[in-house]
PDB file of all heavy atoms in Angstrom:
ATOM      1  N   LEU A   1      95.574  27.250 -12.696  1.00  0.00           N
ATOM      2  CA  LEU A   1      95.458  28.328 -11.716  1.00  0.00           C
ATOM      3  C   LEU A   1      94.971  29.592 -12.392  1.00  0.00           C
ATOM      4  O   LEU A   1      95.267  29.787 -13.566  1.00  0.00           O
ATOM      5  CB  LEU A   1      96.755  28.643 -10.971  1.00  0.00           C
ATOM      6  CG  LEU A   1      97.546  27.474 -10.368  1.00  0.00           C
ATOM      7  CD1 LEU A   1      98.817  27.960  -9.788  1.00  0.00           C
ATOM      8  CD2 LEU A   1      96.717  26.745  -9.326  1.00  0.00           C
ATOM      9  N   ALA A   2      94.187  30.421 -11.706  1.00  0.00           N
ATOM     10  CA  ALA A   2      93.722  31.695 -12.288  1.00  0.00           C
ATOM     11  C   ALA A   2      94.031  32.759 -11.304  1.00  0.00           C
ATOM     12  O   ALA A   2      93.821  32.626 -10.064  1.00  0.00           O
ATOM     13  CB  ALA A   2      92.200  31.604 -12.578  1.00  0.00           C
ATOM     14  N   LEU A   3      94.533  33.889 -11.831  1.00  0.00           N
ATOM     15  CA  LEU A   3      94.866  35.057 -10.975  1.00  0.00           C
ATOM     16  C   LEU A   3      94.174  36.315 -11.492  1.00  0.00           C
ATOM     17  O   LEU A   3      94.153  36.545 -12.690  1.00  0.00           O
ATOM     18  CB  LEU A   3      96.360  35.350 -10.980  1.00  0.00           C
ATOM     19  CG  LEU A   3      97.283  34.195 -10.504  1.00  0.00           C
ATOM     20  CD1 LEU A   3      98.759  34.641 -10.561  1.00  0.00           C
ATOM     21  CD2 LEU A   3      96.966  33.716  -9.140  1.00  0.00           C
ATOM     22  N   ASP A   4      93.634  37.080 -10.609  1.00  0.00           N
ATOM     23  CA  ASP A   4      93.159  38.426 -10.884  1.00  0.00           C
ATOM     24  C   ASP A   4      94.282  39.410 -10.556  1.00  0.00           C
ATOM     25  O   ASP A   4      94.752  39.341  -9.359  1.00  0.00           O
ATOM     26  CB  ASP A   4      91.876  38.781 -10.070  1.00  0.00           C
ATOM     27  CG  ASP A   4      90.644  38.760 -10.889  1.00  0.00           C
ATOM     28  OD1 ASP A   4      90.757  39.054 -12.063  1.00  0.00           O
ATOM     29  OD2 ASP A   4      89.525  38.534 -10.366  1.00  0.00           O
ATOM     30  N   LEU A   5      94.751  40.190 -11.567  1.00  0.00           N
ATOM     31  CA  LEU A   5      95.867  41.069 -11.345  1.00  0.00           C
ATOM     32  C   LEU A   5      95.406  42.509 -11.313  1.00  0.00           C
ATOM     33  O   LEU A   5      94.452  42.857 -12.004  1.00  0.00           O
ATOM     34  CB  LEU A   5      96.902  40.882 -12.439  1.00  0.00           C
ATOM     35  CG  LEU A   5      97.426  39.482 -12.639  1.00  0.00           C
ATOM     36  CD1 LEU A   5      98.389  39.426 -13.832  1.00  0.00           C
ATOM     37  CD2 LEU A   5      98.176  38.971 -11.383  1.00  0.00           C
ATOM     38  N   LYS A   6      96.126  43.349 -10.535  1.00  0.00           N
ATOM     39  CA  LYS A   6      95.773  44.751 -10.494  1.00  0.00           C
ATOM     40  C   LYS A   6      96.160  45.472 -11.794  1.00  0.00           C
ATOM     41  O   LYS A   6      96.938  44.919 -12.580  1.00  0.00           O
ATOM     42  CB  LYS A   6      96.516  45.398  -9.292  1.00  0.00           C
ATOM     43  CG  LYS A   6      96.109  44.844  -7.953  1.00  0.00           C
ATOM     44  CD  LYS A   6      96.932  45.513  -6.852  1.00  0.00           C
ATOM     45  CE  LYS A   6      96.601  44.951  -5.469  1.00  0.00           C
ATOM     46  NZ  LYS A   6      97.412  45.548  -4.397  1.00  0.00           N
ATOM     47  N   ALA A   7      95.576  46.618 -12.058  1.00  0.00           N
ATOM     48  CA  ALA A   7      95.936  47.386 -13.199  1.00  0.00           C
ATOM     49  C   ALA A   7      97.382  47.727 -13.170  1.00  0.00           C
ATOM     50  O   ALA A   7      97.987  48.022 -12.088  1.00  0.00           O
ATOM     51  CB  ALA A   7      95.042  48.670 -13.234  1.00  0.00           C
ATOM     52  N   GLY A   8      98.060  47.708 -14.290  1.00  0.00           N
ATOM     53  CA  GLY A   8      99.466  48.067 -14.331  1.00  0.00           C
ATOM     54  C   GLY A   8     100.034  47.626 -15.710  1.00  0.00           C
ATOM     55  O   GLY A   8      99.379  46.993 -16.446  1.00  0.00           O
ATOM     56  N   PRO A   9     101.317  47.864 -15.841  1.00  0.00           N
ATOM     57  CA  PRO A   9     101.980  47.426 -17.111  1.00  0.00           C
ATOM     58  C   PRO A   9     102.379  45.930 -17.026  1.00  0.00           C
ATOM     59  O   PRO A   9     103.451  45.563 -16.514  1.00  0.00           O
ATOM     60  CB  PRO A   9     103.260  48.339 -17.113  1.00  0.00           C
ATOM     61  CG  PRO A   9     103.550  48.620 -15.697  1.00  0.00           C
ATOM     62  CD  PRO A   9     102.254  48.636 -14.952  1.00  0.00           C
ATOM     63  N   TRP A  10     101.478  45.111 -17.512  1.00  0.00           N
ATOM     64  CA  TRP A  10     101.775  43.644 -17.475  1.00  0.00           C
ATOM     65  C   TRP A  10     102.381  43.194 -18.790  1.00  0.00           C
ATOM     66  O   TRP A  10     101.691  42.805 -19.728  1.00  0.00           O
ATOM     67  CB  TRP A  10     100.530  42.871 -17.170  1.00  0.00           C
ATOM     68  CG  TRP A  10     100.055  43.030 -15.760  1.00  0.00           C
ATOM     69  CD1 TRP A  10      99.066  43.799 -15.247  1.00  0.00           C
ATOM     70  CD2 TRP A  10     100.617  42.362 -14.624  1.00  0.00           C
ATOM     71  NE1 TRP A  10      99.028  43.692 -13.910  1.00  0.00           N
ATOM     72  CE2 TRP A  10      99.985  42.857 -13.507  1.00  0.00           C
ATOM     73  CE3 TRP A  10     101.746  41.498 -14.469  1.00  0.00           C
ATOM     74  CZ2 TRP A  10     100.296  42.393 -12.159  1.00  0.00           C
ATOM     75  CZ3 TRP A  10     102.010  41.063 -13.191  1.00  0.00           C
ATOM     76  CH2 TRP A  10     101.310  41.518 -12.050  1.00  0.00           C
ATOM     77  N   SER A  11     103.683  43.362 -18.883  1.00  0.00           N
ATOM     78  CA  SER A  11     104.394  43.034 -20.145  1.00  0.00           C
ATOM     79  C   SER A  11     104.553  41.507 -20.208  1.00  0.00           C
ATOM     80  O   SER A  11     104.323  40.788 -19.196  1.00  0.00           O
ATOM     81  CB  SER A  11     105.831  43.654 -20.107  1.00  0.00           C
ATOM     82  OG  SER A  11     106.600  43.079 -18.950  1.00  0.00           O
ATOM     83  N   ARG A  12     104.887  41.024 -21.377  1.00  0.00           N
ATOM     84  CA  ARG A  12     105.118  39.600 -21.539  1.00  0.00           C
ATOM     85  C   ARG A  12     106.223  39.122 -20.638  1.00  0.00           C
ATOM     86  O   ARG A  12     106.128  38.018 -20.065  1.00  0.00           O
ATOM     87  CB  ARG A  12     105.501  39.353 -23.029  1.00  0.00           C
ATOM     88  CG  ARG A  12     105.576  37.894 -23.385  1.00  0.00           C
ATOM     89  CD  ARG A  12     105.838  37.747 -24.909  1.00  0.00           C
ATOM     90  NE  ARG A  12     104.722  38.186 -25.674  1.00  0.00           N
ATOM     91  CZ  ARG A  12     103.684  37.478 -26.043  1.00  0.00           C
ATOM     92  NH1 ARG A  12     103.617  36.232 -25.651  1.00  0.00           N
ATOM     93  NH2 ARG A  12     102.666  37.990 -26.746  1.00  0.00           N
ATOM     94  N   THR A  13     107.302  39.887 -20.486  1.00  0.00           N
ATOM     95  CA  THR A  13     108.411  39.511 -19.595  1.00  0.00           C
ATOM     96  C   THR A  13     107.950  39.361 -18.168  1.00  0.00           C
ATOM     97  O   THR A  13     108.336  38.424 -17.498  1.00  0.00           O
ATOM     98  CB  THR A  13     109.506  40.600 -19.681  1.00  0.00           C
ATOM     99  OG1 THR A  13     109.949  40.696 -21.072  1.00  0.00           O
ATOM    100  CG2 THR A  13     110.687  40.244 -18.767  1.00  0.00           C
ATOM    101  N   ARG A  14     107.089  40.250 -17.670  1.00  0.00           N
ATOM    102  CA  ARG A  14     106.666  40.214 -16.280  1.00  0.00           C
ATOM    103  C   ARG A  14     105.726  39.047 -16.061  1.00  0.00           C
ATOM    104  O   ARG A  14     105.829  38.375 -15.005  1.00  0.00           O
ATOM    105  CB  ARG A  14     105.938  41.546 -15.979  1.00  0.00           C
ATOM    106  CG  ARG A  14     105.710  41.748 -14.465  1.00  0.00           C
ATOM    107  CD  ARG A  14     105.046  43.053 -14.233  1.00  0.00           C
ATOM    108  NE  ARG A  14     104.832  43.279 -12.842  1.00  0.00           N
ATOM    109  CZ  ARG A  14     103.946  44.128 -12.286  1.00  0.00           C
ATOM    110  NH1 ARG A  14     103.156  44.839 -13.066  1.00  0.00           N
ATOM    111  NH2 ARG A  14     103.818  44.263 -10.982  1.00  0.00           N
ATOM    112  N   LEU A  15     104.848  38.771 -17.035  1.00  0.00           N
ATOM    113  CA  LEU A  15     103.981  37.603 -16.882  1.00  0.00           C
ATOM    114  C   LEU A  15     104.777  36.267 -16.903  1.00  0.00           C
ATOM    115  O   LEU A  15     104.432  35.352 -16.211  1.00  0.00           O
ATOM    116  CB  LEU A  15     102.912  37.603 -17.983  1.00  0.00           C
ATOM    117  CG  LEU A  15     101.770  38.699 -17.856  1.00  0.00           C
ATOM    118  CD1 LEU A  15     100.918  38.584 -19.073  1.00  0.00           C
ATOM    119  CD2 LEU A  15     101.000  38.529 -16.610  1.00  0.00           C
ATOM    120  N   ALA A  16     105.817  36.260 -17.710  1.00  0.00           N
ATOM    121  CA  ALA A  16     106.629  35.053 -17.823  1.00  0.00           C
ATOM    122  C   ALA A  16     107.365  34.814 -16.503  1.00  0.00           C
ATOM    123  O   ALA A  16     107.483  33.687 -16.076  1.00  0.00           O
ATOM    124  CB  ALA A  16     107.625  35.221 -18.984  1.00  0.00           C
ATOM    125  N   ALA A  17     107.871  35.884 -15.943  1.00  0.00           N
ATOM    126  CA  ALA A  17     108.556  35.771 -14.652  1.00  0.00           C
ATOM    127  C   ALA A  17     107.652  35.247 -13.577  1.00  0.00           C
ATOM    128  O   ALA A  17     107.998  34.362 -12.718  1.00  0.00           O
ATOM    129  CB  ALA A  17     109.178  37.131 -14.218  1.00  0.00           C
ATOM    130  N   LEU A  18     106.443  35.744 -13.542  1.00  0.00           N
ATOM    131  CA  LEU A  18     105.405  35.302 -12.571  1.00  0.00           C
ATOM    132  C   LEU A  18     105.132  33.769 -12.808  1.00  0.00           C
ATOM    133  O   LEU A  18     105.020  33.020 -11.826  1.00  0.00           O
ATOM    134  CB  LEU A  18     104.148  36.094 -12.748  1.00  0.00           C
ATOM    135  CG  LEU A  18     103.099  36.128 -11.628  1.00  0.00           C
ATOM    136  CD1 LEU A  18     102.044  37.245 -11.890  1.00  0.00           C
ATOM    137  CD2 LEU A  18     102.358  34.808 -11.478  1.00  0.00           C
ATOM    138  N   THR A  19     104.999  33.420 -14.044  1.00  0.00           N
ATOM    139  CA  THR A  19     104.666  32.005 -14.385  1.00  0.00           C
ATOM    140  C   THR A  19     105.811  31.107 -13.963  1.00  0.00           C
ATOM    141  O   THR A  19     105.545  30.036 -13.360  1.00  0.00           O
ATOM    142  CB  THR A  19     104.447  31.891 -15.901  1.00  0.00           C
ATOM    143  OG1 THR A  19     103.436  32.746 -16.343  1.00  0.00           O
ATOM    144  CG2 THR A  19     104.161  30.446 -16.312  1.00  0.00           C
ATOM    145  N   ARG A  20     107.058  31.442 -14.195  1.00  0.00           N
ATOM    146  CA  ARG A  20     108.223  30.702 -13.741  1.00  0.00           C
ATOM    147  C   ARG A  20     108.205  30.538 -12.235  1.00  0.00           C
ATOM    148  O   ARG A  20     108.464  29.412 -11.685  1.00  0.00           O
ATOM    149  CB  ARG A  20     109.510  31.261 -14.233  1.00  0.00           C
ATOM    150  CG  ARG A  20     109.754  31.265 -15.700  1.00  0.00           C
ATOM    151  CD  ARG A  20     111.087  31.648 -16.116  1.00  0.00           C
ATOM    152  NE  ARG A  20     111.221  31.932 -17.522  1.00  0.00           N
ATOM    153  CZ  ARG A  20     111.076  33.178 -18.060  1.00  0.00           C
ATOM    154  NH1 ARG A  20     110.899  34.228 -17.297  1.00  0.00           N
ATOM    155  NH2 ARG A  20     111.138  33.315 -19.386  1.00  0.00           N
ATOM    156  N   GLU A  21     107.977  31.607 -11.536  1.00  0.00           N
ATOM    157  CA  GLU A  21     108.108  31.609 -10.086  1.00  0.00           C
ATOM    158  C   GLU A  21     106.981  30.693  -9.498  1.00  0.00           C
ATOM    159  O   GLU A  21     107.243  29.959  -8.582  1.00  0.00           O
ATOM    160  CB  GLU A  21     107.966  33.009  -9.470  1.00  0.00           C
ATOM    161  CG  GLU A  21     108.155  33.081  -8.013  1.00  0.00           C
ATOM    162  CD  GLU A  21     109.549  32.609  -7.597  1.00  0.00           C
ATOM    163  OE1 GLU A  21     110.506  32.689  -8.359  1.00  0.00           O
ATOM    164  OE2 GLU A  21     109.632  32.055  -6.471  1.00  0.00           O
ATOM    165  N   LEU A  22     105.770  30.774  -9.963  1.00  0.00           N
ATOM    166  CA  LEU A  22     104.715  29.849  -9.445  1.00  0.00           C
ATOM    167  C   LEU A  22     104.993  28.413  -9.804  1.00  0.00           C
ATOM    168  O   LEU A  22     104.705  27.559  -9.018  1.00  0.00           O
ATOM    169  CB  LEU A  22     103.368  30.313 -10.068  1.00  0.00           C
ATOM    170  CG  LEU A  22     102.451  31.121  -9.094  1.00  0.00           C
ATOM    171  CD1 LEU A  22     101.202  31.587  -9.808  1.00  0.00           C
ATOM    172  CD2 LEU A  22     102.091  30.327  -7.873  1.00  0.00           C
ATOM    173  N   ASN A  23     105.558  28.170 -10.969  1.00  0.00           N
ATOM    174  CA  ASN A  23     105.863  26.819 -11.363  1.00  0.00           C
ATOM    175  C   ASN A  23     106.973  26.178 -10.582  1.00  0.00           C
ATOM    176  O   ASN A  23     107.055  24.964 -10.485  1.00  0.00           O
ATOM    177  CB  ASN A  23     106.255  26.799 -12.875  1.00  0.00           C
ATOM    178  CG  ASN A  23     105.033  26.425 -13.747  1.00  0.00           C
ATOM    179  OD1 ASN A  23     104.756  25.291 -14.042  1.00  0.00           O
ATOM    180  ND2 ASN A  23     104.338  27.447 -14.211  1.00  0.00           N
ATOM    181  N   ARG A  24     107.808  27.063  -9.950  1.00  0.00           N
ATOM    182  CA  ARG A  24     108.872  26.491  -9.024  1.00  0.00           C
ATOM    183  C   ARG A  24     108.230  25.722  -7.899  1.00  0.00           C
ATOM    184  O   ARG A  24     108.892  24.806  -7.289  1.00  0.00           O
ATOM    185  CB  ARG A  24     109.702  27.643  -8.521  1.00  0.00           C
ATOM    186  CG  ARG A  24     110.734  28.200  -9.468  1.00  0.00           C
ATOM    187  CD  ARG A  24     111.580  29.244  -8.813  1.00  0.00           C
ATOM    188  NE  ARG A  24     112.300  28.749  -7.636  1.00  0.00           N
ATOM    189  CZ  ARG A  24     112.026  29.034  -6.377  1.00  0.00           C
ATOM    190  NH1 ARG A  24     111.007  29.918  -6.118  1.00  0.00           N
ATOM    191  NH2 ARG A  24     112.717  28.555  -5.429  1.00  0.00           N
ATOM    192  N   LEU A  25     107.014  26.063  -7.467  1.00  0.00           N
ATOM    193  CA  LEU A  25     106.395  25.426  -6.286  1.00  0.00           C
ATOM    194  C   LEU A  25     105.837  24.062  -6.658  1.00  0.00           C
ATOM    195  O   LEU A  25     105.738  23.182  -5.810  1.00  0.00           O
ATOM    196  CB  LEU A  25     105.231  26.281  -5.822  1.00  0.00           C
ATOM    197  CG  LEU A  25     105.555  27.668  -5.299  1.00  0.00           C
ATOM    198  CD1 LEU A  25     104.241  28.346  -4.846  1.00  0.00           C
ATOM    199  CD2 LEU A  25     106.482  27.575  -4.136  1.00  0.00           C
ATOM    200  N   PHE A  26     105.530  23.807  -7.981  1.00  0.00           N
ATOM    201  CA  PHE A  26     104.820  22.577  -8.341  1.00  0.00           C
ATOM    202  C   PHE A  26     105.742  21.599  -9.000  1.00  0.00           C
ATOM    203  O   PHE A  26     106.623  21.979  -9.792  1.00  0.00           O
ATOM    204  CB  PHE A  26     103.641  22.928  -9.287  1.00  0.00           C
ATOM    205  CG  PHE A  26     102.546  23.696  -8.662  1.00  0.00           C
ATOM    206  CD1 PHE A  26     102.523  25.082  -8.660  1.00  0.00           C
ATOM    207  CD2 PHE A  26     101.501  22.996  -8.044  1.00  0.00           C
ATOM    208  CE1 PHE A  26     101.585  25.823  -8.078  1.00  0.00           C
ATOM    209  CE2 PHE A  26     100.459  23.745  -7.477  1.00  0.00           C
ATOM    210  CZ  PHE A  26     100.443  25.111  -7.455  1.00  0.00           C
ATOM    211  N   PRO A  27     105.541  20.265  -8.701  1.00  0.00           N
ATOM    212  CA  PRO A  27     106.331  19.240  -9.410  1.00  0.00           C
ATOM    213  C   PRO A  27     105.824  18.952 -10.776  1.00  0.00           C
ATOM    214  O   PRO A  27     106.466  18.271 -11.557  1.00  0.00           O
ATOM    215  CB  PRO A  27     106.133  18.012  -8.511  1.00  0.00           C
ATOM    216  CG  PRO A  27     104.866  18.257  -7.809  1.00  0.00           C
ATOM    217  CD  PRO A  27     104.756  19.764  -7.649  1.00  0.00           C
ATOM    218  N   MET A  28     104.659  19.563 -11.107  1.00  0.00           N
ATOM    219  CA  MET A  28     104.075  19.327 -12.441  1.00  0.00           C
ATOM    220  C   MET A  28     103.821  20.689 -13.134  1.00  0.00           C
ATOM    221  O   MET A  28     103.846  21.692 -12.389  1.00  0.00           O
ATOM    222  CB  MET A  28     102.731  18.536 -12.388  1.00  0.00           C
ATOM    223  CG  MET A  28     101.642  19.287 -11.726  1.00  0.00           C
ATOM    224  SD  MET A  28     101.745  19.508  -9.904  1.00  0.00           S
ATOM    225  CE  MET A  28     101.558  17.776  -9.377  1.00  0.00           C
ATOM    226  N   PRO A  29     103.574  20.789 -14.426  1.00  0.00           N
ATOM    227  CA  PRO A  29     103.351  22.107 -15.005  1.00  0.00           C
ATOM    228  C   PRO A  29     102.098  22.792 -14.506  1.00  0.00           C
ATOM    229  O   PRO A  29     101.033  22.119 -14.394  1.00  0.00           O
ATOM    230  CB  PRO A  29     103.158  21.730 -16.556  1.00  0.00           C
ATOM    231  CG  PRO A  29     103.876  20.413 -16.730  1.00  0.00           C
ATOM    232  CD  PRO A  29     103.614  19.680 -15.419  1.00  0.00           C
ATOM    233  N   ALA A  30     102.201  24.044 -14.207  1.00  0.00           N
ATOM    234  CA  ALA A  30     101.065  24.835 -13.801  1.00  0.00           C
ATOM    235  C   ALA A  30     100.678  25.788 -14.940  1.00  0.00           C
ATOM    236  O   ALA A  30     101.491  26.607 -15.408  1.00  0.00           O
ATOM    237  CB  ALA A  30     101.383  25.622 -12.540  1.00  0.00           C
ATOM    238  N   VAL A  31      99.431  25.597 -15.473  1.00  0.00           N
ATOM    239  CA  VAL A  31      98.918  26.457 -16.555  1.00  0.00           C
ATOM    240  C   VAL A  31      98.225  27.627 -15.902  1.00  0.00           C
ATOM    241  O   VAL A  31      97.361  27.456 -15.063  1.00  0.00           O
ATOM    242  CB  VAL A  31      97.972  25.666 -17.453  1.00  0.00           C
ATOM    243  CG1 VAL A  31      97.475  26.582 -18.611  1.00  0.00           C
ATOM    244  CG2 VAL A  31      98.720  24.423 -18.049  1.00  0.00           C
ATOM    245  N   LEU A  32      98.601  28.835 -16.226  1.00  0.00           N
ATOM    246  CA  LEU A  32      98.103  30.018 -15.539  1.00  0.00           C
ATOM    247  C   LEU A  32      97.198  30.847 -16.462  1.00  0.00           C
ATOM    248  O   LEU A  32      97.504  31.160 -17.618  1.00  0.00           O
ATOM    249  CB  LEU A  32      99.264  30.938 -15.098  1.00  0.00           C
ATOM    250  CG  LEU A  32     100.195  30.191 -14.159  1.00  0.00           C
ATOM    251  CD1 LEU A  32     101.368  31.134 -13.700  1.00  0.00           C
ATOM    252  CD2 LEU A  32      99.530  29.686 -12.908  1.00  0.00           C
ATOM    253  N   LEU A  33      96.062  31.267 -15.880  1.00  0.00           N
ATOM    254  CA  LEU A  33      95.145  32.225 -16.558  1.00  0.00           C
ATOM    255  C   LEU A  33      95.181  33.503 -15.792  1.00  0.00           C
ATOM    256  O   LEU A  33      94.906  33.516 -14.546  1.00  0.00           O
ATOM    257  CB  LEU A  33      93.713  31.683 -16.546  1.00  0.00           C
ATOM    258  CG  LEU A  33      93.377  30.548 -17.618  1.00  0.00           C
ATOM    259  CD1 LEU A  33      94.044  29.251 -17.217  1.00  0.00           C
ATOM    260  CD2 LEU A  33      91.874  30.371 -17.767  1.00  0.00           C
ATOM    261  N   PHE A  34      95.554  34.609 -16.462  1.00  0.00           N
ATOM    262  CA  PHE A  34      95.605  35.943 -15.814  1.00  0.00           C
ATOM    263  C   PHE A  34      94.483  36.817 -16.325  1.00  0.00           C
ATOM    264  O   PHE A  34      94.396  37.010 -17.539  1.00  0.00           O
ATOM    265  CB  PHE A  34      96.959  36.572 -16.113  1.00  0.00           C
ATOM    266  CG  PHE A  34      98.185  35.778 -15.741  1.00  0.00           C
ATOM    267  CD1 PHE A  34      98.964  35.233 -16.693  1.00  0.00           C
ATOM    268  CD2 PHE A  34      98.558  35.658 -14.399  1.00  0.00           C
ATOM    269  CE1 PHE A  34     100.098  34.482 -16.394  1.00  0.00           C
ATOM    270  CE2 PHE A  34      99.668  34.940 -14.024  1.00  0.00           C
ATOM    271  CZ  PHE A  34     100.439  34.323 -15.027  1.00  0.00           C
ATOM    272  N   ARG A  35      93.731  37.380 -15.435  1.00  0.00           N
ATOM    273  CA  ARG A  35      92.772  38.426 -15.792  1.00  0.00           C
ATOM    274  C   ARG A  35      93.307  39.769 -15.295  1.00  0.00           C
ATOM    275  O   ARG A  35      93.545  39.892 -14.125  1.00  0.00           O
ATOM    276  CB  ARG A  35      91.361  38.111 -15.200  1.00  0.00           C
ATOM    277  CG  ARG A  35      90.289  39.071 -15.725  1.00  0.00           C
ATOM    278  CD  ARG A  35      88.908  38.600 -15.285  1.00  0.00           C
ATOM    279  NE  ARG A  35      88.683  38.543 -13.868  1.00  0.00           N
ATOM    280  CZ  ARG A  35      87.552  38.158 -13.255  1.00  0.00           C
ATOM    281  NH1 ARG A  35      86.516  37.792 -13.985  1.00  0.00           N
ATOM    282  NH2 ARG A  35      87.392  38.161 -11.988  1.00  0.00           N
ATOM    283  N   HIS A  36      93.434  40.695 -16.199  1.00  0.00           N
ATOM    284  CA  HIS A  36      94.060  42.002 -15.842  1.00  0.00           C
ATOM    285  C   HIS A  36      93.510  43.106 -16.716  1.00  0.00           C
ATOM    286  O   HIS A  36      93.200  42.916 -17.947  1.00  0.00           O
ATOM    287  CB  HIS A  36      95.560  41.952 -15.967  1.00  0.00           C
ATOM    288  CG  HIS A  36      96.040  41.414 -17.275  1.00  0.00           C
ATOM    289  ND1 HIS A  36      96.470  42.271 -18.316  1.00  0.00           N
ATOM    290  CD2 HIS A  36      96.147  40.138 -17.783  1.00  0.00           C
ATOM    291  CE1 HIS A  36      96.875  41.504 -19.324  1.00  0.00           C
ATOM    292  NE2 HIS A  36      96.693  40.234 -19.089  1.00  0.00           N
ATOM    293  N   PRO A  37      93.260  44.337 -16.170  1.00  0.00           N
ATOM    294  CA  PRO A  37      92.732  45.380 -16.974  1.00  0.00           C
ATOM    295  C   PRO A  37      93.783  46.072 -17.826  1.00  0.00           C
ATOM    296  O   PRO A  37      94.893  46.290 -17.324  1.00  0.00           O
ATOM    297  CB  PRO A  37      92.086  46.298 -15.912  1.00  0.00           C
ATOM    298  CG  PRO A  37      92.925  46.051 -14.670  1.00  0.00           C
ATOM    299  CD  PRO A  37      93.393  44.655 -14.793  1.00  0.00           C
ATOM    300  N   ALA A  38      93.379  46.568 -18.989  1.00  0.00           N
ATOM    301  CA  ALA A  38      94.238  47.445 -19.774  1.00  0.00           C
ATOM    302  C   ALA A  38      94.197  48.849 -19.212  1.00  0.00           C
ATOM    303  O   ALA A  38      93.481  49.155 -18.264  1.00  0.00           O
ATOM    304  CB  ALA A  38      93.701  47.441 -21.219  1.00  0.00           C
ATOM    305  N   GLU A  39      94.980  49.700 -19.765  1.00  0.00           N
ATOM    306  CA  GLU A  39      95.093  51.122 -19.260  1.00  0.00           C
ATOM    307  C   GLU A  39      93.772  51.812 -19.388  1.00  0.00           C
ATOM    308  O   GLU A  39      93.403  52.642 -18.535  1.00  0.00           O
ATOM    309  CB  GLU A  39      96.158  51.893 -19.981  1.00  0.00           C
ATOM    310  CG  GLU A  39      97.594  51.389 -19.742  1.00  0.00           C
ATOM    311  CD  GLU A  39      98.603  52.258 -20.389  1.00  0.00           C
ATOM    312  OE1 GLU A  39      98.273  53.312 -21.022  1.00  0.00           O
ATOM    313  OE2 GLU A  39      99.839  51.882 -20.330  1.00  0.00           O
ATOM    314  N   ASP A  40      92.968  51.440 -20.385  1.00  0.00           N
ATOM    315  CA  ASP A  40      91.651  52.119 -20.575  1.00  0.00           C
ATOM    316  C   ASP A  40      90.553  51.343 -19.816  1.00  0.00           C
ATOM    317  O   ASP A  40      89.364  51.680 -19.962  1.00  0.00           O
ATOM    318  CB  ASP A  40      91.290  52.205 -22.005  1.00  0.00           C
ATOM    319  CG  ASP A  40      91.193  50.891 -22.754  1.00  0.00           C
ATOM    320  OD1 ASP A  40      91.360  49.792 -22.035  1.00  0.00           O
ATOM    321  OD2 ASP A  40      90.910  50.854 -23.983  1.00  0.00           O
ATOM    322  N   GLY A  41      90.953  50.366 -19.090  1.00  0.00           N
ATOM    323  CA  GLY A  41      89.926  49.589 -18.268  1.00  0.00           C
ATOM    324  C   GLY A  41      89.371  48.314 -18.913  1.00  0.00           C
ATOM    325  O   GLY A  41      88.640  47.592 -18.284  1.00  0.00           O
ATOM    326  N   THR A  42      89.811  48.106 -20.187  1.00  0.00           N
ATOM    327  CA  THR A  42      89.253  46.885 -20.894  1.00  0.00           C
ATOM    328  C   THR A  42      89.788  45.635 -20.186  1.00  0.00           C
ATOM    329  O   THR A  42      90.965  45.478 -19.988  1.00  0.00           O
ATOM    330  CB  THR A  42      89.787  46.912 -22.351  1.00  0.00           C
ATOM    331  OG1 THR A  42      89.291  48.069 -22.990  1.00  0.00           O
ATOM    332  CG2 THR A  42      89.286  45.676 -23.117  1.00  0.00           C
ATOM    333  N   PRO A  43      88.874  44.709 -19.837  1.00  0.00           N
ATOM    334  CA  PRO A  43      89.319  43.487 -19.173  1.00  0.00           C
ATOM    335  C   PRO A  43      90.048  42.526 -20.195  1.00  0.00           C
ATOM    336  O   PRO A  43      89.509  42.316 -21.261  1.00  0.00           O
ATOM    337  CB  PRO A  43      88.036  42.884 -18.658  1.00  0.00           C
ATOM    338  CG  PRO A  43      86.963  43.423 -19.553  1.00  0.00           C
ATOM    339  CD  PRO A  43      87.426  44.790 -19.966  1.00  0.00           C
ATOM    340  N   LEU A  44      91.228  42.131 -19.844  1.00  0.00           N
ATOM    341  CA  LEU A  44      92.030  41.271 -20.663  1.00  0.00           C
ATOM    342  C   LEU A  44      92.329  39.904 -20.065  1.00  0.00           C
ATOM    343  O   LEU A  44      92.322  39.794 -18.801  1.00  0.00           O
ATOM    344  CB  LEU A  44      93.345  41.991 -21.037  1.00  0.00           C
ATOM    345  CG  LEU A  44      93.323  43.386 -21.637  1.00  0.00           C
ATOM    346  CD1 LEU A  44      94.711  43.914 -21.751  1.00  0.00           C
ATOM    347  CD2 LEU A  44      92.637  43.331 -22.964  1.00  0.00           C
TER     348      LEU A  44
END
């Protein structure tokens, strides 16, 4: 799965929580790709 995320403080803890929650829906592992901007606008 791939997600475009809004600008904001995307810490490792927050991304991990999102990953766990989405994986709860699936009976198999869901590998997640997150595209999100840094504070200076750099795409990450």
